[in-house]
Amino acid sequence: MSAAIPFIKAAAPYISAASSAFSAFSSFSQGKSQQAMYNLQAMQTKADSARKALQYEERANETLRKVTAANAANASRRYAGGVLGLEGSAKLVETMNLKEAGRDFMADISNASNALMTGSTQADIFGTAGKIAARGGLLDAAGKLATGAYEFSKVIIPKEKTEEPPKA
């Protein structure tokens, strides 16, 4: 056992240096992994916002289909009842239906645009967070390597002896 002690003392600086290198690699890898996670979240956010925008557009188109069908049914009923379906109060009712449907349509189109813009903004935030995570991992790795090199140098490089000034 006592024969191993000089070997352990001799190997300790190299083991410490290797440990610092592995720790630095781990920090670098962790930063890259976080960046990949943020990039994935950015893609998911864009996909979700595109899906929401499509839902708003579908709802806007459904509003137009419903108002068109309702106005056509009302005109048919009026003509069948002997009333001119596209004049007077019948036309006023159709115009008001179109006006209200137009408001709903424009609100849905605006909501679709807002969903896309919000998703894009959030995705950009995730992208920036990913870049920061990668940079942080790299800087942490560099710091660990520098600390390891300093600790290694304290053990390996012999200390220079300084002469004490003569006492008066």
Protein backbone atom coordinates (compact mmCIF):
# COMPACT_ATOMS: atom_id res chain seq x y z
CA MET A 1 0.00 0.00 0.00
CA SER A 2 2.78 2.43 0.89
CA ALA A 3 4.37 1.78 -2.51
CA ALA A 4 1.23 3.12 -4.22
CA ILE A 5 1.33 6.48 -2.43
CA PRO A 6 4.19 7.96 -4.53
CA PHE A 7 2.40 6.78 -7.69
CA ILE A 8 -0.86 8.39 -6.57
CA LYS A 9 0.93 11.63 -5.70
CA ALA A 10 2.63 11.63 -9.10
CA ALA A 11 -0.61 10.84 -10.95
CA ALA A 12 -2.83 13.28 -9.00
CA PRO A 13 -2.11 16.35 -11.17
CA TYR A 14 -2.84 14.40 -14.35
CA ILE A 15 -6.03 12.97 -12.90
CA SER A 16 -7.08 16.45 -11.83
CA ALA A 17 -6.34 17.79 -15.33
CA ALA A 18 -8.33 14.97 -16.92
CA SER A 19 -11.20 15.63 -14.52
CA SER A 20 -11.18 19.31 -15.50
CA ALA A 21 -11.19 18.36 -19.18
CA PHE A 22 -14.15 16.00 -18.73
CA SER A 23 -16.00 18.61 -16.70
CA ALA A 24 -15.37 21.19 -19.43
CA PHE A 25 -16.61 18.79 -22.11
CA SER A 26 -19.71 18.12 -20.01
CA SER A 27 -20.44 21.86 -19.73
CA PHE A 28 -19.98 22.31 -23.46
CA SER A 29 -22.27 19.35 -24.21
CA GLN A 30 -24.88 20.58 -21.79
CA GLY A 31 -24.92 23.99 -23.49
CA LYS A 32 -25.34 22.36 -26.89
CA SER A 33 -28.14 20.12 -25.56
CA GLN A 34 -29.97 23.13 -24.14
CA GLN A 35 -29.59 24.90 -27.45
CA ALA A 36 -31.10 21.91 -29.25
CA MET A 37 -33.98 21.87 -26.75
CA TYR A 38 -34.67 25.57 -27.31
CA ASN A 39 -34.50 25.11 -31.08
CA LEU A 40 -37.03 22.30 -30.82
CA GLN A 41 -39.30 24.50 -28.70
CA ALA A 42 -38.98 27.24 -31.33
CA MET A 43 -40.06 24.85 -34.10
CA GLN A 44 -42.95 23.57 -31.97
CA THR A 45 -44.07 27.13 -31.26
CA LYS A 46 -44.04 28.00 -34.96
CA ALA A 47 -46.04 24.88 -35.77
CA ASP A 48 -48.58 25.65 -33.03
CA SER A 49 -49.01 29.23 -34.20
CA ALA A 50 -49.46 28.10 -37.80
CA ARG A 51 -52.12 25.63 -36.64
CA LYS A 52 -53.94 28.35 -34.68
CA ALA A 53 -53.77 30.71 -37.66
CA LEU A 54 -55.23 28.02 -39.91
CA GLN A 55 -58.08 27.47 -37.43
CA TYR A 56 -58.87 31.20 -37.49
CA GLU A 57 -58.80 31.22 -41.29
CA GLU A 58 -61.10 28.19 -41.42
CA ARG A 59 -63.49 29.91 -39.01
CA ALA A 60 -63.42 33.06 -41.18
CA ASN A 61 -64.25 31.01 -44.28
CA GLU A 62 -67.04 29.21 -42.41
CA THR A 63 -68.51 32.60 -41.45
CA LEU A 64 -68.61 33.58 -45.12
CA ARG A 65 -70.20 30.26 -46.12
CA LYS A 66 -72.89 30.60 -43.44
CA VAL A 67 -73.82 34.17 -44.29
CA THR A 68 -73.94 33.34 -47.99
CA ALA A 69 -76.17 30.33 -47.34
CA ALA A 70 -78.43 32.33 -44.99
CA ASN A 71 -78.81 35.20 -47.45
CA ALA A 72 -79.52 32.79 -50.31
CA ALA A 73 -82.15 30.96 -48.24
CA ASN A 74 -83.78 34.27 -47.21
CA ALA A 75 -83.87 35.51 -50.82
CA SER A 76 -85.40 32.23 -51.98
CA ARG A 77 -88.06 32.40 -49.26
CA ARG A 78 -88.91 35.98 -50.15
CA TYR A 79 -89.18 35.24 -53.87
CA ALA A 80 -91.28 32.17 -53.09
CA GLY A 81 -93.58 34.39 -51.00
CA GLY A 82 -93.99 36.84 -53.85
CA VAL A 83 -91.66 39.54 -52.46
CA LEU A 84 -88.67 40.92 -54.30
CA GLY A 85 -85.77 39.28 -52.44
CA LEU A 86 -83.02 41.76 -53.36
CA GLU A 87 -84.78 45.11 -52.78
CA GLY A 88 -86.10 47.19 -49.90
CA SER A 89 -86.11 45.79 -46.40
CA ALA A 90 -85.01 42.37 -47.69
CA LYS A 91 -81.86 43.96 -49.13
CA LEU A 92 -81.33 45.86 -45.86
CA VAL A 93 -81.44 42.59 -43.88
CA GLU A 94 -78.95 41.02 -46.31
CA THR A 95 -76.67 44.06 -46.06
CA MET A 96 -76.72 43.93 -42.25
CA ASN A 97 -75.99 40.19 -42.31
CA LEU A 98 -73.00 40.81 -44.58
CA LYS A 99 -71.80 43.69 -42.42
CA GLU A 100 -71.83 41.57 -39.24
CA ALA A 101 -70.27 38.60 -41.01
CA GLY A 102 -67.59 40.92 -42.43
CA ARG A 103 -66.69 42.07 -38.91
CA ASP A 104 -66.40 38.48 -37.74
CA PHE A 105 -64.40 37.57 -40.84
CA MET A 106 -61.94 40.44 -40.35
CA ALA A 107 -61.57 39.64 -36.63
CA ASP A 108 -60.69 36.03 -37.52
CA ILE A 109 -58.21 37.12 -40.19
CA SER A 110 -56.63 39.56 -37.72
CA ASN A 111 -56.45 36.81 -35.09
CA ALA A 112 -54.74 34.52 -37.60
CA SER A 113 -52.15 37.20 -38.34
CA ASN A 114 -51.62 37.82 -34.62
CA ALA A 115 -51.20 34.09 -33.95
CA LEU A 116 -48.47 33.88 -36.60
CA MET A 117 -46.72 37.00 -35.32
CA THR A 118 -46.87 35.84 -31.69
CA GLY A 119 -45.54 32.41 -32.64
CA SER A 120 -42.72 33.91 -34.64
CA THR A 121 -41.76 36.24 -31.79
CA GLN A 122 -41.80 33.41 -29.25
CA ALA A 123 -39.75 31.22 -31.60
CA ASP A 124 -37.18 34.01 -31.93
CA ILE A 125 -37.01 34.23 -28.13
CA PHE A 126 -36.38 30.48 -27.92
CA GLY A 127 -33.71 30.77 -30.64
CA THR A 128 -31.95 33.51 -28.71
CA ALA A 129 -32.17 31.51 -25.48
CA GLY A 130 -30.59 28.57 -27.31
CA LYS A 131 -27.70 30.69 -28.51
CA ILE A 132 -27.19 32.04 -24.99
CA ALA A 133 -27.26 28.51 -23.55
CA ALA A 134 -24.64 27.32 -26.05
CA ARG A 135 -22.44 30.35 -25.39
CA GLY A 136 -22.84 29.85 -21.63
CA GLY A 137 -21.82 26.20 -21.95
CA LEU A 138 -18.78 27.18 -23.99
CA LEU A 139 -17.73 29.87 -21.53
CA ASP A 140 -18.26 27.55 -18.58
CA ALA A 141 -16.13 24.92 -20.34
CA ALA A 142 -13.40 27.48 -21.00
CA GLY A 143 -13.47 28.55 -17.36
CA LYS A 144 -13.15 24.96 -16.17
CA LEU A 145 -10.25 24.34 -18.54
CA ALA A 146 -8.50 27.48 -17.35
CA THR A 147 -9.02 26.53 -13.71
CA GLY A 148 -7.73 23.02 -14.40
CA ALA A 149 -4.68 24.39 -16.20
CA TYR A 150 -3.95 26.73 -13.32
CA GLU A 151 -4.27 23.95 -10.76
CA PHE A 152 -2.06 21.71 -12.91
CA SER A 153 0.56 24.42 -13.23
CA LYS A 154 0.68 24.90 -9.46
CA VAL A 155 1.68 21.26 -9.01
CA ILE A 156 3.84 20.65 -12.09
CA ILE A 157 5.81 23.88 -12.47
CA PRO A 158 8.27 24.18 -9.62
CA LYS A 159 7.92 27.27 -7.55
CA GLU A 160 10.74 29.74 -7.91
CA LYS A 161 12.44 30.40 -4.65
CA THR A 162 12.72 34.02 -3.83
CA GLU A 163 15.51 35.21 -1.71
CA GLU A 164 14.55 37.01 1.39
CA PRO A 165 16.14 40.40 1.77
CA PRO A 166 18.75 40.56 4.47
CA LYS A 167 17.48 41.66 7.81
CA ALA A 168 18.91 44.87 9.05
